[in-house]
N, C-alpha and C. Protein backbone atom coordinates (compact mmCIF):
# COMPACT_ATOMS: atom_id res chain seq x y z
N UNK A 1 22.71 -87.22 184.08
CA UNK A 1 23.27 -86.39 183.04
C UNK A 1 22.54 -86.60 181.71
N UNK A 2 22.20 -87.83 181.42
CA UNK A 2 21.50 -88.11 180.17
C UNK A 2 20.11 -87.47 180.17
N UNK A 3 19.48 -87.38 181.35
CA UNK A 3 18.17 -86.75 181.45
C UNK A 3 18.25 -85.29 181.07
N UNK A 4 19.28 -84.60 181.52
CA UNK A 4 19.45 -83.18 181.20
C UNK A 4 19.65 -83.01 179.70
N UNK A 5 20.44 -83.87 179.09
CA UNK A 5 20.67 -83.80 177.66
C UNK A 5 19.37 -84.04 176.88
N UNK A 6 18.61 -85.03 177.29
CA UNK A 6 17.34 -85.33 176.62
C UNK A 6 16.36 -84.17 176.77
N UNK A 7 16.27 -83.59 177.96
CA UNK A 7 15.37 -82.46 178.17
C UNK A 7 15.74 -81.28 177.29
N UNK A 8 17.03 -80.98 177.19
CA UNK A 8 17.46 -79.85 176.37
C UNK A 8 17.23 -80.13 174.89
N UNK A 9 17.45 -81.36 174.45
CA UNK A 9 17.19 -81.70 173.05
C UNK A 9 15.70 -81.59 172.74
N UNK A 10 14.85 -82.00 173.66
CA UNK A 10 13.41 -81.89 173.43
C UNK A 10 12.98 -80.42 173.37
N UNK A 11 13.56 -79.57 174.21
CA UNK A 11 13.27 -78.14 174.14
C UNK A 11 13.74 -77.56 172.82
N UNK A 12 14.91 -78.00 172.35
CA UNK A 12 15.44 -77.51 171.09
C UNK A 12 14.54 -77.90 169.91
N UNK A 13 14.00 -79.11 169.95
CA UNK A 13 13.17 -79.61 168.85
C UNK A 13 11.70 -79.18 168.96
N UNK A 14 11.30 -78.59 170.06
CA UNK A 14 9.90 -78.22 170.27
C UNK A 14 9.35 -77.27 169.20
N UNK A 15 10.04 -76.18 168.82
CA UNK A 15 9.48 -75.32 167.77
C UNK A 15 9.28 -76.06 166.44
N UNK A 16 10.22 -76.91 166.07
CA UNK A 16 10.09 -77.67 164.82
C UNK A 16 8.92 -78.65 164.91
N UNK A 17 8.76 -79.30 166.04
CA UNK A 17 7.66 -80.25 166.20
C UNK A 17 6.31 -79.54 166.12
N UNK A 18 6.20 -78.38 166.74
CA UNK A 18 4.95 -77.63 166.69
C UNK A 18 4.65 -77.15 165.27
N UNK A 19 5.66 -76.63 164.59
CA UNK A 19 5.46 -76.15 163.23
C UNK A 19 5.07 -77.29 162.29
N UNK A 20 5.80 -78.39 162.36
CA UNK A 20 5.51 -79.51 161.47
C UNK A 20 4.16 -80.14 161.77
N UNK A 21 3.79 -80.20 163.02
CA UNK A 21 2.46 -80.71 163.37
C UNK A 21 1.38 -79.82 162.77
N UNK A 22 1.56 -78.52 162.91
CA UNK A 22 0.60 -77.56 162.34
C UNK A 22 0.54 -77.70 160.82
N UNK A 23 1.72 -77.83 160.19
CA UNK A 23 1.77 -77.92 158.72
C UNK A 23 1.11 -79.21 158.23
N UNK A 24 1.36 -80.32 158.92
CA UNK A 24 0.76 -81.58 158.50
C UNK A 24 -0.75 -81.59 158.70
N UNK A 25 -1.21 -80.98 159.77
CA UNK A 25 -2.65 -80.96 160.02
C UNK A 25 -3.40 -80.02 159.09
N UNK A 26 -2.71 -79.03 158.53
CA UNK A 26 -3.38 -78.03 157.70
C UNK A 26 -3.14 -78.20 156.20
N UNK A 27 -2.54 -79.29 155.77
CA UNK A 27 -2.38 -79.45 154.32
C UNK A 27 -3.71 -79.89 153.72
N UNK A 28 -4.16 -79.12 152.76
CA UNK A 28 -5.47 -79.34 152.18
C UNK A 28 -5.39 -79.74 150.70
N UNK A 29 -4.28 -79.46 150.08
CA UNK A 29 -4.18 -79.70 148.64
C UNK A 29 -3.49 -81.02 148.30
N UNK A 30 -3.41 -81.91 149.24
CA UNK A 30 -2.78 -83.21 148.97
C UNK A 30 -1.26 -83.12 148.89
N UNK A 31 -0.68 -82.12 149.52
CA UNK A 31 0.76 -81.94 149.50
C UNK A 31 1.44 -83.14 150.15
N UNK A 32 2.54 -83.58 149.55
CA UNK A 32 3.25 -84.74 150.08
C UNK A 32 4.04 -84.35 151.33
N UNK A 33 4.44 -85.36 152.07
CA UNK A 33 5.22 -85.13 153.29
C UNK A 33 6.55 -84.49 152.95
N UNK A 34 7.17 -84.93 151.87
CA UNK A 34 8.47 -84.37 151.46
C UNK A 34 8.34 -82.88 151.13
N UNK A 35 7.23 -82.50 150.49
CA UNK A 35 7.04 -81.08 150.16
C UNK A 35 6.87 -80.24 151.42
N UNK A 36 6.16 -80.76 152.39
CA UNK A 36 5.99 -80.03 153.65
C UNK A 36 7.34 -79.85 154.34
N UNK A 37 8.15 -80.89 154.36
CA UNK A 37 9.47 -80.82 155.00
C UNK A 37 10.40 -79.88 154.24
N UNK A 38 10.31 -79.86 152.91
CA UNK A 38 11.17 -78.98 152.12
C UNK A 38 10.80 -77.51 152.29
N UNK A 39 9.55 -77.21 152.55
CA UNK A 39 9.12 -75.82 152.73
C UNK A 39 9.31 -75.32 154.16
N UNK A 40 9.66 -76.18 155.08
CA UNK A 40 9.80 -75.77 156.48
C UNK A 40 11.01 -74.86 156.66
N UNK A 41 10.86 -73.77 157.40
CA UNK A 41 11.99 -72.85 157.63
C UNK A 41 12.89 -73.39 158.75
N UNK A 42 13.70 -74.37 158.41
CA UNK A 42 14.48 -75.09 159.43
C UNK A 42 15.49 -74.19 160.15
N UNK A 43 16.09 -73.25 159.45
CA UNK A 43 17.05 -72.37 160.10
C UNK A 43 16.36 -71.51 161.17
N UNK A 44 15.20 -71.00 160.84
CA UNK A 44 14.43 -70.22 161.81
C UNK A 44 14.00 -71.09 162.99
N UNK A 45 13.56 -72.30 162.71
CA UNK A 45 13.13 -73.20 163.79
C UNK A 45 14.31 -73.59 164.68
N UNK A 46 15.47 -73.81 164.08
CA UNK A 46 16.67 -74.12 164.88
C UNK A 46 17.06 -72.93 165.75
N UNK A 47 16.97 -71.72 165.20
CA UNK A 47 17.27 -70.52 165.98
C UNK A 47 16.29 -70.37 167.15
N UNK A 48 15.00 -70.56 166.88
CA UNK A 48 14.00 -70.47 167.95
C UNK A 48 14.23 -71.54 169.02
N UNK A 49 14.61 -72.73 168.60
CA UNK A 49 14.91 -73.79 169.56
C UNK A 49 16.10 -73.43 170.44
N UNK A 50 17.15 -72.87 169.82
CA UNK A 50 18.33 -72.46 170.59
C UNK A 50 17.99 -71.34 171.57
N UNK A 51 17.16 -70.40 171.13
CA UNK A 51 16.74 -69.32 172.03
C UNK A 51 15.93 -69.88 173.20
N UNK A 52 15.03 -70.82 172.91
CA UNK A 52 14.23 -71.43 173.97
C UNK A 52 15.10 -72.16 174.99
N UNK A 53 16.07 -72.93 174.51
CA UNK A 53 16.98 -73.64 175.42
C UNK A 53 17.78 -72.63 176.25
N UNK A 54 18.28 -71.59 175.60
CA UNK A 54 19.05 -70.57 176.32
C UNK A 54 18.23 -69.87 177.39
N UNK A 55 16.98 -69.54 177.06
CA UNK A 55 16.12 -68.89 178.05
C UNK A 55 15.85 -69.80 179.24
N UNK A 56 15.54 -71.06 178.97
CA UNK A 56 15.25 -71.98 180.07
C UNK A 56 16.48 -72.18 180.95
N UNK A 57 17.65 -72.33 180.33
CA UNK A 57 18.88 -72.50 181.12
C UNK A 57 19.19 -71.25 181.94
N UNK A 58 18.97 -70.07 181.36
CA UNK A 58 19.23 -68.83 182.08
C UNK A 58 18.26 -68.65 183.24
N UNK A 59 16.99 -68.95 183.01
CA UNK A 59 15.99 -68.77 184.07
C UNK A 59 16.21 -69.74 185.21
N UNK A 60 16.36 -71.03 184.88
CA UNK A 60 16.49 -72.02 185.95
C UNK A 60 17.90 -72.06 186.53
N UNK A 61 18.87 -71.52 185.82
CA UNK A 61 20.22 -71.45 186.37
C UNK A 61 20.35 -70.38 187.43
N UNK A 62 19.50 -69.38 187.37
CA UNK A 62 19.56 -68.28 188.33
C UNK A 62 18.61 -68.46 189.50
N UNK A 63 17.81 -69.49 189.48
CA UNK A 63 16.87 -69.72 190.56
C UNK A 63 17.58 -70.49 191.67
N UNK A 64 17.60 -69.94 192.82
CA UNK A 64 18.25 -70.60 193.94
C UNK A 64 17.98 -69.80 195.21
N UNK A 65 18.13 -70.45 196.33
CA UNK A 65 17.84 -69.74 197.56
C UNK A 65 19.08 -69.60 198.44
N UNK A 66 20.23 -69.88 197.89
CA UNK A 66 21.45 -69.76 198.68
C UNK A 66 22.29 -68.58 198.21
N UNK A 67 23.19 -68.17 199.08
CA UNK A 67 24.12 -67.10 198.76
C UNK A 67 25.50 -67.72 198.58
N UNK A 68 26.38 -67.05 197.89
CA UNK A 68 27.74 -67.58 197.75
C UNK A 68 28.37 -67.82 199.12
N UNK A 69 28.95 -68.97 199.30
CA UNK A 69 29.58 -69.31 200.58
C UNK A 69 28.68 -70.10 201.51
N UNK A 70 27.38 -70.18 201.22
CA UNK A 70 26.47 -70.98 202.04
C UNK A 70 26.75 -72.46 201.82
N UNK A 71 26.51 -73.23 202.86
CA UNK A 71 26.68 -74.68 202.77
C UNK A 71 25.31 -75.35 202.72
N UNK A 72 25.22 -76.41 201.92
CA UNK A 72 23.97 -77.15 201.81
C UNK A 72 23.87 -78.15 202.95
N UNK A 73 22.76 -78.11 203.66
CA UNK A 73 22.49 -79.08 204.72
C UNK A 73 21.46 -80.06 204.18
N UNK A 74 21.83 -81.32 203.97
CA UNK A 74 20.91 -82.27 203.32
C UNK A 74 19.72 -82.63 204.20
N UNK A 75 18.71 -83.20 203.57
CA UNK A 75 17.51 -83.64 204.30
C UNK A 75 17.89 -84.75 205.28
N UNK A 76 17.22 -84.75 206.43
CA UNK A 76 17.48 -85.78 207.45
C UNK A 76 16.15 -86.34 207.95
N UNK A 77 16.22 -87.57 208.43
CA UNK A 77 15.06 -88.24 209.02
C UNK A 77 15.25 -88.18 210.52
N UNK A 78 14.39 -87.38 211.22
CA UNK A 78 14.57 -87.14 212.64
C UNK A 78 13.22 -87.26 213.34
N UNK A 79 13.14 -88.09 214.35
CA UNK A 79 11.93 -88.28 215.15
C UNK A 79 10.72 -88.65 214.29
N UNK A 80 10.94 -89.49 213.28
CA UNK A 80 9.85 -89.95 212.44
C UNK A 80 9.40 -88.95 211.39
N UNK A 81 10.11 -87.86 211.25
CA UNK A 81 9.75 -86.84 210.26
C UNK A 81 10.97 -86.56 209.37
N UNK A 82 10.68 -86.20 208.14
CA UNK A 82 11.73 -85.81 207.21
C UNK A 82 11.86 -84.30 207.25
N UNK A 83 13.05 -83.86 207.60
CA UNK A 83 13.34 -82.43 207.61
C UNK A 83 14.02 -82.11 206.27
N UNK A 84 13.41 -81.27 205.45
CA UNK A 84 13.98 -81.01 204.12
C UNK A 84 15.34 -80.34 204.18
N UNK A 85 16.10 -80.53 203.11
CA UNK A 85 17.40 -79.88 203.01
C UNK A 85 17.26 -78.38 202.87
N UNK A 86 18.32 -77.67 203.23
CA UNK A 86 18.30 -76.21 203.14
C UNK A 86 19.71 -75.67 203.05
N UNK A 87 19.79 -74.42 202.73
CA UNK A 87 21.09 -73.73 202.69
C UNK A 87 21.32 -73.09 204.06
N UNK A 88 22.52 -73.25 204.58
CA UNK A 88 22.81 -72.71 205.90
C UNK A 88 24.13 -71.99 205.87
């Protein structure tokens, strides 16, 4: 569960990290770190992060190979081979 939370938080922070990295690498006039952070459009970056998390959850939440009512048959070790799990 903690892995899912960390992954979603990293997706949420990704637009801000990319923007701030770009801003820090492109400061040419000796601008301070505080000035770069104060000029960052944090509301826009938070919105983009939320949209990114929502898109990823929607895309991966709909990916599946089972139908409603199908039962999951777990992977088994049979005759020296692993038979992968499947929906049945």
